[in-house]
Amino acid sequence: SPRTHSQVVRLLEDLQGWPSWDPSEKNIEEKLRGIHTRARNLLRR
């Protein structure tokens, strides 16, 4: 669906922005947890 495709594209943009992420371990872990959750939901969909 257009909504799902848009969500995939936005998640890909977030993934490709990794060089600008805050390198502190806590922030990386939170970022990865969010990416896992979003990716898992999209893949199930």
PDB file of all heavy atoms in Angstrom:
ATOM      1  N   SER A   1       0.865  -1.185   0.000  1.00  0.00           N
ATOM      2  CA  SER A   1       0.000   0.000   0.000  1.00  0.00           C
ATOM      3  C   SER A   1       0.900   1.233   0.000  1.00  0.00           C
ATOM      4  O   SER A   1       2.059   1.160   0.418  1.00  0.00           O
ATOM      5  CB  SER A   1      -0.894  -0.001   1.244  1.00  0.00           C
ATOM      6  OG  SER A   1      -0.124   0.261   2.408  1.00  0.00           O
ATOM      7  N   PRO A   2       0.380   2.373  -0.485  1.00  0.00           N
ATOM      8  CA  PRO A   2       1.208   3.583  -0.473  1.00  0.00           C
ATOM      9  C   PRO A   2       1.726   3.927   0.935  1.00  0.00           C
ATOM     10  O   PRO A   2       2.860   4.365   1.088  1.00  0.00           O
ATOM     11  CB  PRO A   2       0.264   4.664  -1.004  1.00  0.00           C
ATOM     12  CG  PRO A   2      -0.749   3.924  -1.814  1.00  0.00           C
ATOM     13  CD  PRO A   2      -0.908   2.590  -1.144  1.00  0.00           C
ATOM     14  N   ARG A   3       0.912   3.687   1.945  1.00  0.00           N
ATOM     15  CA  ARG A   3       1.317   3.978   3.328  1.00  0.00           C
ATOM     16  C   ARG A   3       2.489   3.083   3.743  1.00  0.00           C
ATOM     17  O   ARG A   3       3.489   3.558   4.312  1.00  0.00           O
ATOM     18  CB  ARG A   3       0.130   3.775   4.262  1.00  0.00           C
ATOM     19  CG  ARG A   3       0.477   4.006   5.704  1.00  0.00           C
ATOM     20  CD  ARG A   3      -0.748   3.865   6.604  1.00  0.00           C
ATOM     21  NE  ARG A   3      -0.350   3.991   7.973  1.00  0.00           N
ATOM     22  CZ  ARG A   3      -0.614   3.102   8.918  1.00  0.00           C
ATOM     23  NH1 ARG A   3      -1.311   2.036   8.641  1.00  0.00           N
ATOM     24  NH2 ARG A   3      -0.211   3.295  10.153  1.00  0.00           N
ATOM     25  N   THR A   4       2.374   1.794   3.469  1.00  0.00           N
ATOM     26  CA  THR A   4       3.437   0.855   3.843  1.00  0.00           C
ATOM     27  C   THR A   4       4.717   1.166   3.073  1.00  0.00           C
ATOM     28  O   THR A   4       5.810   1.165   3.646  1.00  0.00           O
ATOM     29  CB  THR A   4       3.000  -0.599   3.594  1.00  0.00           C
ATOM     30  OG1 THR A   4       1.819  -0.854   4.358  1.00  0.00           O
ATOM     31  CG2 THR A   4       4.079  -1.577   3.985  1.00  0.00           C
ATOM     32  N   HIS A   5       4.599   1.449   1.782  1.00  0.00           N
ATOM     33  CA  HIS A   5       5.782   1.784   0.985  1.00  0.00           C
ATOM     34  C   HIS A   5       6.458   3.040   1.536  1.00  0.00           C
ATOM     35  O   HIS A   5       7.683   3.101   1.655  1.00  0.00           O
ATOM     36  CB  HIS A   5       5.414   1.983  -0.490  1.00  0.00           C
ATOM     37  CG  HIS A   5       6.608   2.189  -1.356  1.00  0.00           C
ATOM     38  ND1 HIS A   5       7.068   3.446  -1.679  1.00  0.00           N
ATOM     39  CD2 HIS A   5       7.467   1.306  -1.930  1.00  0.00           C
ATOM     40  CE1 HIS A   5       8.151   3.328  -2.424  1.00  0.00           C
ATOM     41  NE2 HIS A   5       8.406   2.036  -2.602  1.00  0.00           N
ATOM     42  N   SER A   6       5.663   4.028   1.900  1.00  0.00           N
ATOM     43  CA  SER A   6       6.209   5.263   2.481  1.00  0.00           C
ATOM     44  C   SER A   6       6.939   4.969   3.791  1.00  0.00           C
ATOM     45  O   SER A   6       8.005   5.538   4.071  1.00  0.00           O
ATOM     46  CB  SER A   6       5.075   6.254   2.710  1.00  0.00           C
ATOM     47  OG  SER A   6       5.536   7.391   3.381  1.00  0.00           O
ATOM     48  N   GLN A   7       6.396   4.076   4.613  1.00  0.00           N
ATOM     49  CA  GLN A   7       7.042   3.716   5.874  1.00  0.00           C
ATOM     50  C   GLN A   7       8.367   2.989   5.632  1.00  0.00           C
ATOM     51  O   GLN A   7       9.348   3.219   6.339  1.00  0.00           O
ATOM     52  CB  GLN A   7       6.105   2.856   6.725  1.00  0.00           C
ATOM     53  CG  GLN A   7       4.939   3.638   7.284  1.00  0.00           C
ATOM     54  CD  GLN A   7       3.936   2.750   7.990  1.00  0.00           C
ATOM     55  OE1 GLN A   7       3.835   1.556   7.720  1.00  0.00           O
ATOM     56  NE2 GLN A   7       3.172   3.345   8.898  1.00  0.00           N
ATOM     57  N   VAL A   8       8.395   2.132   4.614  1.00  0.00           N
ATOM     58  CA  VAL A   8       9.631   1.434   4.267  1.00  0.00           C
ATOM     59  C   VAL A   8      10.687   2.452   3.832  1.00  0.00           C
ATOM     60  O   VAL A   8      11.840   2.402   4.265  1.00  0.00           O
ATOM     61  CB  VAL A   8       9.390   0.374   3.163  1.00  0.00           C
ATOM     62  CG1 VAL A   8      10.705  -0.156   2.621  1.00  0.00           C
ATOM     63  CG2 VAL A   8       8.536  -0.766   3.692  1.00  0.00           C
ATOM     64  N   VAL A   9      10.288   3.397   2.991  1.00  0.00           N
ATOM     65  CA  VAL A   9      11.224   4.411   2.489  1.00  0.00           C
ATOM     66  C   VAL A   9      11.747   5.267   3.640  1.00  0.00           C
ATOM     67  O   VAL A   9      12.944   5.549   3.721  1.00  0.00           O
ATOM     68  CB  VAL A   9      10.556   5.271   1.392  1.00  0.00           C
ATOM     69  CG1 VAL A   9      11.406   6.483   1.046  1.00  0.00           C
ATOM     70  CG2 VAL A   9      10.282   4.427   0.158  1.00  0.00           C
ATOM     71  N   ARG A  10      10.867   5.672   4.559  1.00  0.00           N
ATOM     72  CA  ARG A  10      11.307   6.485   5.706  1.00  0.00           C
ATOM     73  C   ARG A  10      12.271   5.712   6.609  1.00  0.00           C
ATOM     74  O   ARG A  10      13.260   6.264   7.095  1.00  0.00           O
ATOM     75  CB  ARG A  10      10.105   6.978   6.513  1.00  0.00           C
ATOM     76  CG  ARG A  10       9.441   8.199   5.899  1.00  0.00           C
ATOM     77  CD  ARG A  10       8.535   8.920   6.882  1.00  0.00           C
ATOM     78  NE  ARG A  10       7.618   8.054   7.586  1.00  0.00           N
ATOM     79  CZ  ARG A  10       6.366   7.792   7.235  1.00  0.00           C
ATOM     80  NH1 ARG A  10       5.870   8.332   6.146  1.00  0.00           N
ATOM     81  NH2 ARG A  10       5.607   6.997   7.960  1.00  0.00           N
ATOM     82  N   LEU A  11      11.990   4.432   6.826  1.00  0.00           N
ATOM     83  CA  LEU A  11      12.890   3.621   7.644  1.00  0.00           C
ATOM     84  C   LEU A  11      14.239   3.458   6.950  1.00  0.00           C
ATOM     85  O   LEU A  11      15.289   3.532   7.590  1.00  0.00           O
ATOM     86  CB  LEU A  11      12.269   2.257   7.950  1.00  0.00           C
ATOM     87  CG  LEU A  11      13.068   1.334   8.868  1.00  0.00           C
ATOM     88  CD1 LEU A  11      13.489   2.033  10.156  1.00  0.00           C
ATOM     89  CD2 LEU A  11      12.273   0.083   9.171  1.00  0.00           C
ATOM     90  N   LEU A  12      14.229   3.286   5.640  1.00  0.00           N
ATOM     91  CA  LEU A  12      15.489   3.205   4.895  1.00  0.00           C
ATOM     92  C   LEU A  12      16.285   4.505   5.027  1.00  0.00           C
ATOM     93  O   LEU A  12      17.503   4.480   5.184  1.00  0.00           O
ATOM     94  CB  LEU A  12      15.225   2.893   3.421  1.00  0.00           C
ATOM     95  CG  LEU A  12      14.867   1.448   3.113  1.00  0.00           C
ATOM     96  CD1 LEU A  12      14.372   1.314   1.669  1.00  0.00           C
ATOM     97  CD2 LEU A  12      16.053   0.540   3.361  1.00  0.00           C
ATOM     98  N   GLU A  13      15.609   5.638   4.977  1.00  0.00           N
ATOM     99  CA  GLU A  13      16.289   6.926   5.144  1.00  0.00           C
ATOM    100  C   GLU A  13      16.910   7.031   6.535  1.00  0.00           C
ATOM    101  O   GLU A  13      18.030   7.524   6.688  1.00  0.00           O
ATOM    102  CB  GLU A  13      15.302   8.077   4.903  1.00  0.00           C
ATOM    103  CG  GLU A  13      14.907   8.232   3.449  1.00  0.00           C
ATOM    104  CD  GLU A  13      13.763   9.214   3.246  1.00  0.00           C
ATOM    105  OE1 GLU A  13      13.188   9.712   4.256  1.00  0.00           O
ATOM    106  OE2 GLU A  13      13.424   9.474   2.080  1.00  0.00           O
ATOM    107  N   ASP A  14      16.178   6.563   7.541  1.00  0.00           N
ATOM    108  CA  ASP A  14      16.725   6.575   8.906  1.00  0.00           C
ATOM    109  C   ASP A  14      17.964   5.681   9.002  1.00  0.00           C
ATOM    110  O   ASP A  14      18.960   6.047   9.626  1.00  0.00           O
ATOM    111  CB  ASP A  14      15.680   6.103   9.922  1.00  0.00           C
ATOM    112  CG  ASP A  14      14.595   7.128  10.163  1.00  0.00           C
ATOM    113  OD1 ASP A  14      14.753   8.290   9.713  1.00  0.00           O
ATOM    114  OD2 ASP A  14      13.582   6.768  10.793  1.00  0.00           O
ATOM    115  N   LEU A  15      17.897   4.520   8.383  1.00  0.00           N
ATOM    116  CA  LEU A  15      19.037   3.596   8.405  1.00  0.00           C
ATOM    117  C   LEU A  15      20.247   4.201   7.708  1.00  0.00           C
ATOM    118  O   LEU A  15      21.373   4.064   8.170  1.00  0.00           O
ATOM    119  CB  LEU A  15      18.670   2.279   7.727  1.00  0.00           C
ATOM    120  CG  LEU A  15      17.802   1.326   8.529  1.00  0.00           C
ATOM    121  CD1 LEU A  15      17.248   0.235   7.637  1.00  0.00           C
ATOM    122  CD2 LEU A  15      18.600   0.730   9.663  1.00  0.00           C
ATOM    123  N   GLN A  16      20.027   4.852   6.599  1.00  0.00           N
ATOM    124  CA  GLN A  16      21.135   5.425   5.835  1.00  0.00           C
ATOM    125  C   GLN A  16      21.716   6.663   6.507  1.00  0.00           C
ATOM    126  O   GLN A  16      22.818   7.096   6.171  1.00  0.00           O
ATOM    127  CB  GLN A  16      20.678   5.736   4.411  1.00  0.00           C
ATOM    128  CG  GLN A  16      20.381   4.469   3.629  1.00  0.00           C
ATOM    129  CD  GLN A  16      19.571   4.702   2.379  1.00  0.00           C
ATOM    130  OE1 GLN A  16      19.092   5.797   2.122  1.00  0.00           O
ATOM    131  NE2 GLN A  16      19.395   3.640   1.599  1.00  0.00           N
ATOM    132  N   GLY A  17      21.036   7.189   7.502  1.00  0.00           N
ATOM    133  CA  GLY A  17      21.542   8.350   8.234  1.00  0.00           C
ATOM    134  C   GLY A  17      22.431   7.980   9.406  1.00  0.00           C
ATOM    135  O   GLY A  17      22.780   8.834  10.221  1.00  0.00           O
ATOM    136  N   TRP A  18      22.857   6.707   9.512  1.00  0.00           N
ATOM    137  CA  TRP A  18      23.625   6.255  10.672  1.00  0.00           C
ATOM    138  C   TRP A  18      24.903   7.047  10.930  1.00  0.00           C
ATOM    139  O   TRP A  18      25.301   7.187  12.082  1.00  0.00           O
ATOM    140  CB  TRP A  18      23.920   4.752  10.594  1.00  0.00           C
ATOM    141  CG  TRP A  18      24.883   4.358   9.524  1.00  0.00           C
ATOM    142  CD1 TRP A  18      24.563   3.896   8.285  1.00  0.00           C
ATOM    143  CD2 TRP A  18      26.301   4.403   9.571  1.00  0.00           C
ATOM    144  NE1 TRP A  18      25.696   3.658   7.555  1.00  0.00           N
ATOM    145  CE2 TRP A  18      26.781   3.953   8.316  1.00  0.00           C
ATOM    146  CE3 TRP A  18      27.232   4.771  10.544  1.00  0.00           C
ATOM    147  CZ2 TRP A  18      28.141   3.873   8.027  1.00  0.00           C
ATOM    148  CZ3 TRP A  18      28.578   4.692  10.248  1.00  0.00           C
ATOM    149  CH2 TRP A  18      29.022   4.244   9.002  1.00  0.00           C
ATOM    150  N   PRO A  19      25.586   7.606   9.911  1.00  0.00           N
ATOM    151  CA  PRO A  19      26.819   8.335  10.251  1.00  0.00           C
ATOM    152  C   PRO A  19      26.596   9.560  11.142  1.00  0.00           C
ATOM    153  O   PRO A  19      27.508  10.002  11.816  1.00  0.00           O
ATOM    154  CB  PRO A  19      27.378   8.758   8.888  1.00  0.00           C
ATOM    155  CG  PRO A  19      26.812   7.767   7.926  1.00  0.00           C
ATOM    156  CD  PRO A  19      25.439   7.467   8.461  1.00  0.00           C
ATOM    157  N   SER A  20      25.374  10.076  11.168  1.00  0.00           N
ATOM    158  CA  SER A  20      25.119  11.266  11.985  1.00  0.00           C
ATOM    159  C   SER A  20      24.505  10.936  13.343  1.00  0.00           C
ATOM    160  O   SER A  20      24.162  11.845  14.092  1.00  0.00           O
ATOM    161  CB  SER A  20      24.199  12.223  11.216  1.00  0.00           C
ATOM    162  OG  SER A  20      22.936  11.614  10.999  1.00  0.00           O
ATOM    163  N   TRP A  21      24.364   9.660  13.673  1.00  0.00           N
ATOM    164  CA  TRP A  21      23.785   9.285  14.964  1.00  0.00           C
ATOM    165  C   TRP A  21      24.731   9.633  16.100  1.00  0.00           C
ATOM    166  O   TRP A  21      25.940   9.620  15.952  1.00  0.00           O
ATOM    167  CB  TRP A  21      23.513   7.794  15.015  1.00  0.00           C
ATOM    168  CG  TRP A  21      22.434   7.311  14.094  1.00  0.00           C
ATOM    169  CD1 TRP A  21      21.660   8.060  13.252  1.00  0.00           C
ATOM    170  CD2 TRP A  21      22.032   5.965  13.896  1.00  0.00           C
ATOM    171  NE1 TRP A  21      20.815   7.246  12.558  1.00  0.00           N
ATOM    172  CE2 TRP A  21      21.017   5.961  12.929  1.00  0.00           C
ATOM    173  CE3 TRP A  21      22.447   4.752  14.438  1.00  0.00           C
ATOM    174  CZ2 TRP A  21      20.389   4.800  12.502  1.00  0.00           C
ATOM    175  CZ3 TRP A  21      21.818   3.597  14.022  1.00  0.00           C
ATOM    176  CH2 TRP A  21      20.800   3.618  13.065  1.00  0.00           C
ATOM    177  N   ASP A  22      24.143   9.898  17.267  1.00  0.00           N
ATOM    178  CA  ASP A  22      24.912  10.122  18.490  1.00  0.00           C
ATOM    179  C   ASP A  22      25.577   8.798  18.873  1.00  0.00           C
ATOM    180  O   ASP A  22      24.895   7.790  19.033  1.00  0.00           O
ATOM    181  CB  ASP A  22      23.965  10.580  19.605  1.00  0.00           C
ATOM    182  CG  ASP A  22      24.654  10.820  20.926  1.00  0.00           C
ATOM    183  OD1 ASP A  22      25.876  10.568  21.030  1.00  0.00           O
ATOM    184  OD2 ASP A  22      23.968  11.250  21.856  1.00  0.00           O
ATOM    185  N   PRO A  23      26.899   8.769  19.003  1.00  0.00           N
ATOM    186  CA  PRO A  23      27.584   7.498  19.219  1.00  0.00           C
ATOM    187  C   PRO A  23      27.521   6.938  20.642  1.00  0.00           C
ATOM    188  O   PRO A  23      28.063   5.872  20.882  1.00  0.00           O
ATOM    189  CB  PRO A  23      29.031   7.819  18.836  1.00  0.00           C
ATOM    190  CG  PRO A  23      29.168   9.259  19.129  1.00  0.00           C
ATOM    191  CD  PRO A  23      27.822   9.874  18.835  1.00  0.00           C
ATOM    192  N   SER A  24      26.853   7.623  21.554  1.00  0.00           N
ATOM    193  CA  SER A  24      26.814   7.077  22.913  1.00  0.00           C
ATOM    194  C   SER A  24      26.024   5.767  22.905  1.00  0.00           C
ATOM    195  O   SER A  24      25.043   5.611  22.188  1.00  0.00           O
ATOM    196  CB  SER A  24      26.197   8.074  23.896  1.00  0.00           C
ATOM    197  OG  SER A  24      24.812   8.207  23.668  1.00  0.00           O
ATOM    198  N   GLU A  25      26.474   4.828  23.693  1.00  0.00           N
ATOM    199  CA  GLU A  25      25.896   3.484  23.684  1.00  0.00           C
ATOM    200  C   GLU A  25      24.394   3.501  23.960  1.00  0.00           C
ATOM    201  O   GLU A  25      23.627   2.797  23.321  1.00  0.00           O
ATOM    202  CB  GLU A  25      26.604   2.615  24.710  1.00  0.00           C
ATOM    203  CG  GLU A  25      26.170   1.173  24.665  1.00  0.00           C
ATOM    204  CD  GLU A  25      26.997   0.301  25.581  1.00  0.00           C
ATOM    205  OE1 GLU A  25      28.225   0.294  25.456  1.00  0.00           O
ATOM    206  OE2 GLU A  25      26.381  -0.379  26.413  1.00  0.00           O
ATOM    207  N   LYS A  26      23.951   4.320  24.904  1.00  0.00           N
ATOM    208  CA  LYS A  26      22.531   4.360  25.258  1.00  0.00           C
ATOM    209  C   LYS A  26      21.701   4.814  24.061  1.00  0.00           C
ATOM    210  O   LYS A  26      20.670   4.222  23.752  1.00  0.00           O
ATOM    211  CB  LYS A  26      22.314   5.291  26.443  1.00  0.00           C
ATOM    212  CG  LYS A  26      20.872   5.374  26.875  1.00  0.00           C
ATOM    213  CD  LYS A  26      20.680   6.297  28.052  1.00  0.00           C
ATOM    214  CE  LYS A  26      19.213   6.365  28.422  1.00  0.00           C
ATOM    215  NZ  LYS A  26      18.931   7.366  29.414  1.00  0.00           N
ATOM    216  N   ASN A  27      22.152   5.866  23.380  1.00  0.00           N
ATOM    217  CA  ASN A  27      21.395   6.375  22.237  1.00  0.00           C
ATOM    218  C   ASN A  27      21.403   5.405  21.066  1.00  0.00           C
ATOM    219  O   ASN A  27      20.399   5.264  20.373  1.00  0.00           O
ATOM    220  CB  ASN A  27      21.940   7.733  21.801  1.00  0.00           C
ATOM    221  CG  ASN A  27      21.634   8.810  22.817  1.00  0.00           C
ATOM    222  OD1 ASN A  27      20.633   8.752  23.520  1.00  0.00           O
ATOM    223  ND2 ASN A  27      22.498   9.793  22.912  1.00  0.00           N
ATOM    224  N   ILE A  28      22.508   4.731  20.840  1.00  0.00           N
ATOM    225  CA  ILE A  28      22.570   3.742  19.764  1.00  0.00           C
ATOM    226  C   ILE A  28      21.603   2.603  20.070  1.00  0.00           C
ATOM    227  O   ILE A  28      20.876   2.138  19.194  1.00  0.00           O
ATOM    228  CB  ILE A  28      24.010   3.202  19.583  1.00  0.00           C
ATOM    229  CG1 ILE A  28      24.927   4.290  19.039  1.00  0.00           C
ATOM    230  CG2 ILE A  28      24.037   1.973  18.700  1.00  0.00           C
ATOM    231  CD1 ILE A  28      24.672   4.687  17.614  1.00  0.00           C
ATOM    232  N   GLU A  29      21.592   2.143  21.306  1.00  0.00           N
ATOM    233  CA  GLU A  29      20.701   1.043  21.685  1.00  0.00           C
ATOM    234  C   GLU A  29      19.243   1.438  21.505  1.00  0.00           C
ATOM    235  O   GLU A  29      18.445   0.662  20.991  1.00  0.00           O
ATOM    236  CB  GLU A  29      20.980   0.626  23.140  1.00  0.00           C
ATOM    237  CG  GLU A  29      20.203  -0.585  23.578  1.00  0.00           C
ATOM    238  CD  GLU A  29      20.549  -1.850  22.818  1.00  0.00           C
ATOM    239  OE1 GLU A  29      21.647  -1.943  22.263  1.00  0.00           O
ATOM    240  OE2 GLU A  29      19.693  -2.763  22.767  1.00  0.00           O
ATOM    241  N   GLU A  30      18.883   2.655  21.901  1.00  0.00           N
ATOM    242  CA  GLU A  30      17.509   3.130  21.718  1.00  0.00           C
ATOM    243  C   GLU A  30      17.161   3.229  20.233  1.00  0.00           C
ATOM    244  O   GLU A  30      16.068   2.852  19.820  1.00  0.00           O
ATOM    245  CB  GLU A  30      17.329   4.488  22.397  1.00  0.00           C
ATOM    246  CG  GLU A  30      17.347   4.418  23.908  1.00  0.00           C
ATOM    247  CD  GLU A  30      17.340   5.789  24.566  1.00  0.00           C
ATOM    248  OE1 GLU A  30      17.217   6.813  23.861  1.00  0.00           O
ATOM    249  OE2 GLU A  30      17.465   5.826  25.800  1.00  0.00           O
ATOM    250  N   LYS A  31      18.082   3.733  19.451  1.00  0.00           N
ATOM    251  CA  LYS A  31      17.870   3.863  18.010  1.00  0.00           C
ATOM    252  C   LYS A  31      17.660   2.484  17.379  1.00  0.00           C
ATOM    253  O   LYS A  31      16.755   2.291  16.570  1.00  0.00           O
ATOM    254  CB  LYS A  31      19.072   4.577  17.388  1.00  0.00           C
ATOM    255  CG  LYS A  31      18.884   4.988  15.979  1.00  0.00           C
ATOM    256  CD  LYS A  31      18.123   6.282  15.917  1.00  0.00           C
ATOM    257  CE  LYS A  31      18.310   6.939  14.587  1.00  0.00           C
ATOM    258  NZ  LYS A  31      17.467   8.089  14.419  1.00  0.00           N
ATOM    259  N   LEU A  32      18.517   1.517  17.741  1.00  0.00           N
ATOM    260  CA  LEU A  32      18.382   0.163  17.201  1.00  0.00           C
ATOM    261  C   LEU A  32      17.076  -0.498  17.628  1.00  0.00           C
ATOM    262  O   LEU A  32      16.442  -1.198  16.842  1.00  0.00           O
ATOM    263  CB  LEU A  32      19.563  -0.700  17.629  1.00  0.00           C
ATOM    264  CG  LEU A  32      20.881  -0.399  16.942  1.00  0.00           C
ATOM    265  CD1 LEU A  32      22.002  -1.193  17.582  1.00  0.00           C
ATOM    266  CD2 LEU A  32      20.800  -0.694  15.465  1.00  0.00           C
ATOM    267  N   ARG A  33      16.686  -0.297  18.854  1.00  0.00           N
ATOM    268  CA  ARG A  33      15.421  -0.863  19.333  1.00  0.00           C
ATOM    269  C   ARG A  33      14.259  -0.317  18.504  1.00  0.00           C
ATOM    270  O   ARG A  33      13.378  -1.075  18.089  1.00  0.00           O
ATOM    271  CB  ARG A  33      15.225  -0.546  20.814  1.00  0.00           C
ATOM    272  CG  ARG A  33      14.094  -1.326  21.448  1.00  0.00           C
ATOM    273  CD  ARG A  33      13.965  -1.083  22.959  1.00  0.00           C
ATOM    274  NE  ARG A  33      15.197  -1.411  23.662  1.00  0.00           N
ATOM    275  CZ  ARG A  33      15.961  -0.516  24.303  1.00  0.00           C
ATOM    276  NH1 ARG A  33      15.629   0.749  24.345  1.00  0.00           N
ATOM    277  NH2 ARG A  33      17.049  -0.893  24.926  1.00  0.00           N
ATOM    278  N   GLY A  34      14.282   0.985  18.232  1.00  0.00           N
ATOM    279  CA  GLY A  34      13.235   1.583  17.403  1.00  0.00           C
ATOM    280  C   GLY A  34      13.248   1.052  15.978  1.00  0.00           C
ATOM    281  O   GLY A  34      12.204   0.766  15.394  1.00  0.00           O
ATOM    282  N   ILE A  35      14.435   0.884  15.423  1.00  0.00           N
ATOM    283  CA  ILE A  35      14.554   0.347  14.065  1.00  0.00           C
ATOM    284  C   ILE A  35      14.057  -1.095  14.017  1.00  0.00           C
ATOM    285  O   ILE A  35      13.327  -1.481  13.103  1.00  0.00           O
ATOM    286  CB  ILE A  35      16.004   0.462  13.560  1.00  0.00           C
ATOM    287  CG1 ILE A  35      16.287   1.923  13.208  1.00  0.00           C
ATOM    288  CG2 ILE A  35      16.271  -0.449  12.377  1.00  0.00           C
ATOM    289  CD1 ILE A  35      17.720   2.225  12.898  1.00  0.00           C
ATOM    290  N   HIS A  36      14.432  -1.895  15.008  1.00  0.00           N
ATOM    291  CA  HIS A  36      13.961  -3.284  15.059  1.00  0.00           C
ATOM    292  C   HIS A  36      12.439  -3.342  15.127  1.00  0.00           C
ATOM    293  O   HIS A  36      11.816  -4.134  14.422  1.00  0.00           O
ATOM    294  CB  HIS A  36      14.542  -4.009  16.263  1.00  0.00           C
ATOM    295  CG  HIS A  36      15.956  -4.419  16.078  1.00  0.00           C
ATOM    296  ND1 HIS A  36      16.752  -4.763  17.124  1.00  0.00           N
ATOM    297  CD2 HIS A  36      16.733  -4.544  14.986  1.00  0.00           C
ATOM    298  CE1 HIS A  36      17.949  -5.089  16.683  1.00  0.00           C
ATOM    299  NE2 HIS A  36      17.959  -4.950  15.386  1.00  0.00           N
ATOM    300  N   THR A  37      11.851  -2.519  15.977  1.00  0.00           N
ATOM    301  CA  THR A  37      10.403  -2.524  16.139  1.00  0.00           C
ATOM    302  C   THR A  37       9.721  -2.126  14.837  1.00  0.00           C
ATOM    303  O   THR A  37       8.785  -2.793  14.385  1.00  0.00           O
ATOM    304  CB  THR A  37       9.985  -1.572  17.273  1.00  0.00           C
ATOM    305  OG1 THR A  37      10.611  -2.007  18.486  1.00  0.00           O
ATOM    306  CG2 THR A  37       8.485  -1.542  17.447  1.00  0.00           C
ATOM    307  N   ARG A  38      10.184  -1.046  14.234  1.00  0.00           N
ATOM    308  CA  ARG A  38       9.576  -0.587  12.979  1.00  0.00           C
ATOM    309  C   ARG A  38       9.759  -1.615  11.865  1.00  0.00           C
ATOM    310  O   ARG A  38       8.824  -1.909  11.104  1.00  0.00           O
ATOM    311  CB  ARG A  38      10.174   0.753  12.568  1.00  0.00           C
ATOM    312  CG  ARG A  38       9.763   1.893  13.506  1.00  0.00           C
ATOM    313  CD  ARG A  38      10.581   3.143  13.309  1.00  0.00           C
ATOM    314  NE  ARG A  38      10.507   3.678  11.965  1.00  0.00           N
ATOM    315  CZ  ARG A  38      11.366   4.568  11.484  1.00  0.00           C
ATOM    316  NH1 ARG A  38      12.363   5.010  12.249  1.00  0.00           N
ATOM    317  NH2 ARG A  38      11.260   5.020  10.263  1.00  0.00           N
ATOM    318  N   ALA A  39      10.965  -2.182  11.763  1.00  0.00           N
ATOM    319  CA  ALA A  39      11.226  -3.172  10.710  1.00  0.00           C
ATOM    320  C   ALA A  39      10.386  -4.426  10.936  1.00  0.00           C
ATOM    321  O   ALA A  39       9.804  -4.969   9.988  1.00  0.00           O
ATOM    322  CB  ALA A  39      12.713  -3.528  10.687  1.00  0.00           C
ATOM    323  N   ARG A  40      10.310  -4.885  12.173  1.00  0.00           N
ATOM    324  CA  ARG A  40       9.513  -6.072  12.483  1.00  0.00           C
ATOM    325  C   ARG A  40       8.044  -5.853  12.112  1.00  0.00           C
ATOM    326  O   ARG A  40       7.423  -6.716  11.488  1.00  0.00           O
ATOM    327  CB  ARG A  40       9.660  -6.401  13.972  1.00  0.00           C
ATOM    328  CG  ARG A  40       9.020  -7.696  14.384  1.00  0.00           C
ATOM    329  CD  ARG A  40       9.345  -8.102  15.824  1.00  0.00           C
ATOM    330  NE  ARG A  40       9.204  -7.031  16.791  1.00  0.00           N
ATOM    331  CZ  ARG A  40      10.226  -6.483  17.461  1.00  0.00           C
ATOM    332  NH1 ARG A  40      11.456  -6.891  17.271  1.00  0.00           N
ATOM    333  NH2 ARG A  40      10.011  -5.519  18.337  1.00  0.00           N
ATOM    334  N   ASN A  41       7.507  -4.697  12.446  1.00  0.00           N
ATOM    335  CA  ASN A  41       6.110  -4.408  12.114  1.00  0.00           C
ATOM    336  C   ASN A  41       5.895  -4.346  10.608  1.00  0.00           C
ATOM    337  O   ASN A  41       4.894  -4.854  10.098  1.00  0.00           O
ATOM    338  CB  ASN A  41       5.661  -3.107  12.778  1.00  0.00           C
ATOM    339  CG  ASN A  41       5.545  -3.241  14.283  1.00  0.00           C
ATOM    340  OD1 ASN A  41       5.377  -4.338  14.813  1.00  0.00           O
ATOM    341  ND2 ASN A  41       5.651  -2.126  14.986  1.00  0.00           N
ATOM    342  N   LEU A  42       6.820  -3.712   9.896  1.00  0.00           N
ATOM    343  CA  LEU A  42       6.692  -3.630   8.439  1.00  0.00           C
ATOM    344  C   LEU A  42       6.787  -5.012   7.790  1.00  0.00           C
ATOM    345  O   LEU A  42       6.025  -5.337   6.871  1.00  0.00           O
ATOM    346  CB  LEU A  42       7.766  -2.711   7.859  1.00  0.00           C
ATOM    347  CG  LEU A  42       7.543  -1.217   8.045  1.00  0.00           C
ATOM    348  CD1 LEU A  42       8.792  -0.435   7.667  1.00  0.00           C
ATOM    349  CD2 LEU A  42       6.364  -0.765   7.194  1.00  0.00           C
ATOM    350  N   LEU A  43       7.719  -5.820   8.250  1.00  0.00           N
ATOM    351  CA  LEU A  43       7.886  -7.150   7.669  1.00  0.00           C
ATOM    352  C   LEU A  43       6.665  -8.032   7.935  1.00  0.00           C
ATOM    353  O   LEU A  43       6.226  -8.780   7.055  1.00  0.00           O
ATOM    354  CB  LEU A  43       9.163  -7.804   8.199  1.00  0.00           C
ATOM    355  CG  LEU A  43      10.466  -7.127   7.751  1.00  0.00           C
ATOM    356  CD1 LEU A  43      11.649  -7.710   8.495  1.00  0.00           C
ATOM    357  CD2 LEU A  43      10.644  -7.236   6.252  1.00  0.00           C
ATOM    358  N   ARG A  44       6.122  -7.944   9.112  1.00  0.00           N
ATOM    359  CA  ARG A  44       4.893  -8.706   9.408  1.00  0.00           C
ATOM    360  C   ARG A  44       3.743  -8.236   8.526  1.00  0.00           C
ATOM    361  O   ARG A  44       2.939  -9.043   8.075  1.00  0.00           O
ATOM    362  CB  ARG A  44       4.531  -8.559  10.883  1.00  0.00           C
ATOM    363  CG  ARG A  44       5.411  -9.376  11.780  1.00  0.00           C
ATOM    364  CD  ARG A  44       4.976  -9.275  13.220  1.00  0.00           C
ATOM    365  NE  ARG A  44       5.900 -10.020  14.065  1.00  0.00           N
ATOM    366  CZ  ARG A  44       6.161  -9.727  15.320  1.00  0.00           C
ATOM    367  NH1 ARG A  44       5.555  -8.702  15.898  1.00  0.00           N
ATOM    368  NH2 ARG A  44       7.006 -10.450  16.019  1.00  0.00           N
ATOM    369  N   ARG A  45       3.683  -6.942   8.293  1.00  0.00           N
ATOM    370  CA  ARG A  45       2.614  -6.387   7.462  1.00  0.00           C
ATOM    371  C   ARG A  45       2.673  -6.915   6.027  1.00  0.00           C
ATOM    372  O   ARG A  45       1.641  -7.073   5.389  1.00  0.00           O
ATOM    373  CB  ARG A  45       2.695  -4.854   7.459  1.00  0.00           C
ATOM    374  CG  ARG A  45       1.427  -4.220   6.938  1.00  0.00           C
ATOM    375  CD  ARG A  45       1.420  -2.716   7.080  1.00  0.00           C
ATOM    376  NE  ARG A  45       1.668  -2.319   8.458  1.00  0.00           N
ATOM    377  CZ  ARG A  45       2.293  -1.212   8.802  1.00  0.00           C
ATOM    378  NH1 ARG A  45       2.745  -0.387   7.889  1.00  0.00           N
ATOM    379  NH2 ARG A  45       2.476  -0.902  10.057  1.00  0.00           N
TER     380      ARG A  45
END
